[in-house]
């Protein structure tokens, strides 16, 4: 399980909920299944393309920044 990925998924879901979207709605909009997103959240693992699709649905972009 990857803690950084798990944290990123949690942040995306928190933003979605703040914007009135459920986890299932966000998953569907990003072309994922709700079950797939739920399993990815539990594993703390998701493909970069899926993370990018989730971010895009929230009008966000993925970026790497120095620590």
Protein backbone atom coordinates (compact mmCIF):
# COMPACT_ATOMS: atom_id res chain seq x y z
CA UNK A 1 0.00 0.00 0.00
CA UNK A 2 1.33 3.41 -0.96
CA UNK A 3 0.57 6.07 1.64
CA UNK A 4 1.25 9.00 -0.75
CA UNK A 5 -1.18 7.59 -3.33
CA UNK A 6 -3.74 6.80 -0.65
CA UNK A 7 -3.46 10.39 0.62
CA UNK A 8 -3.83 11.77 -2.91
CA UNK A 9 -6.98 9.72 -3.51
CA UNK A 10 -8.39 10.91 -0.19
CA UNK A 11 -7.67 14.54 -1.14
CA UNK A 12 -9.40 14.13 -4.51
CA UNK A 13 -12.43 12.57 -2.84
CA UNK A 14 -12.57 15.33 -0.21
CA UNK A 15 -12.56 17.96 -2.96
CA UNK A 16 -15.26 16.06 -4.84
CA UNK A 17 -17.44 15.86 -1.73
CA UNK A 18 -16.92 19.58 -1.06
CA UNK A 19 -18.20 20.20 -4.58
CA UNK A 20 -21.25 18.03 -4.05
CA UNK A 21 -20.02 14.94 -5.89
CA UNK A 22 -20.15 11.47 -4.42
CA UNK A 23 -17.31 9.00 -4.86
CA UNK A 24 -19.48 7.06 -7.32
CA UNK A 25 -20.28 10.18 -9.36
CA UNK A 26 -16.63 11.18 -9.54
CA UNK A 27 -15.59 7.68 -10.56
CA UNK A 28 -18.20 7.53 -13.33
CA UNK A 29 -17.27 10.98 -14.64
CA UNK A 30 -13.62 9.92 -14.81
CA UNK A 31 -14.42 6.69 -16.65
CA UNK A 32 -13.82 4.43 -13.64
CA UNK A 33 -16.19 2.11 -11.88
CA UNK A 34 -17.20 3.05 -8.35
CA UNK A 35 -16.06 -0.39 -7.19
CA UNK A 36 -12.70 0.03 -8.92
CA UNK A 37 -12.14 3.39 -7.25
CA UNK A 38 -13.16 2.00 -3.88
CA UNK A 39 -10.73 -0.92 -4.25
CA UNK A 40 -7.94 1.43 -5.38
CA UNK A 41 -8.61 3.61 -2.35
CA UNK A 42 -8.36 0.57 -0.07
CA UNK A 43 -5.13 -0.61 -1.71
CA UNK A 44 -3.62 2.86 -1.90
CA UNK A 45 -2.75 2.16 -5.53
CA UNK A 46 -4.09 3.69 -8.74
CA UNK A 47 -2.65 4.22 -12.21
CA UNK A 48 -1.35 7.69 -12.99
CA UNK A 49 -3.80 7.97 -15.90
CA UNK A 50 -6.70 7.26 -13.54
CA UNK A 51 -5.45 9.83 -11.04
CA UNK A 52 -5.18 12.36 -13.87
CA UNK A 53 -8.73 11.55 -15.03
CA UNK A 54 -10.09 12.07 -11.51
CA UNK A 55 -8.22 15.35 -11.16
CA UNK A 56 -9.42 16.54 -14.57
CA UNK A 57 -13.05 16.00 -13.54
CA UNK A 58 -12.40 18.34 -10.60
CA UNK A 59 -10.66 20.91 -12.82
CA UNK A 60 -7.33 20.10 -11.17
CA UNK A 61 -4.01 18.93 -12.54
CA UNK A 62 -1.43 16.61 -11.10
CA UNK A 63 1.97 18.14 -10.41
CA UNK A 64 5.16 17.11 -8.69
CA UNK A 65 6.64 19.66 -6.33
CA UNK A 66 9.86 19.62 -4.32
CA UNK A 67 9.56 18.68 -0.66
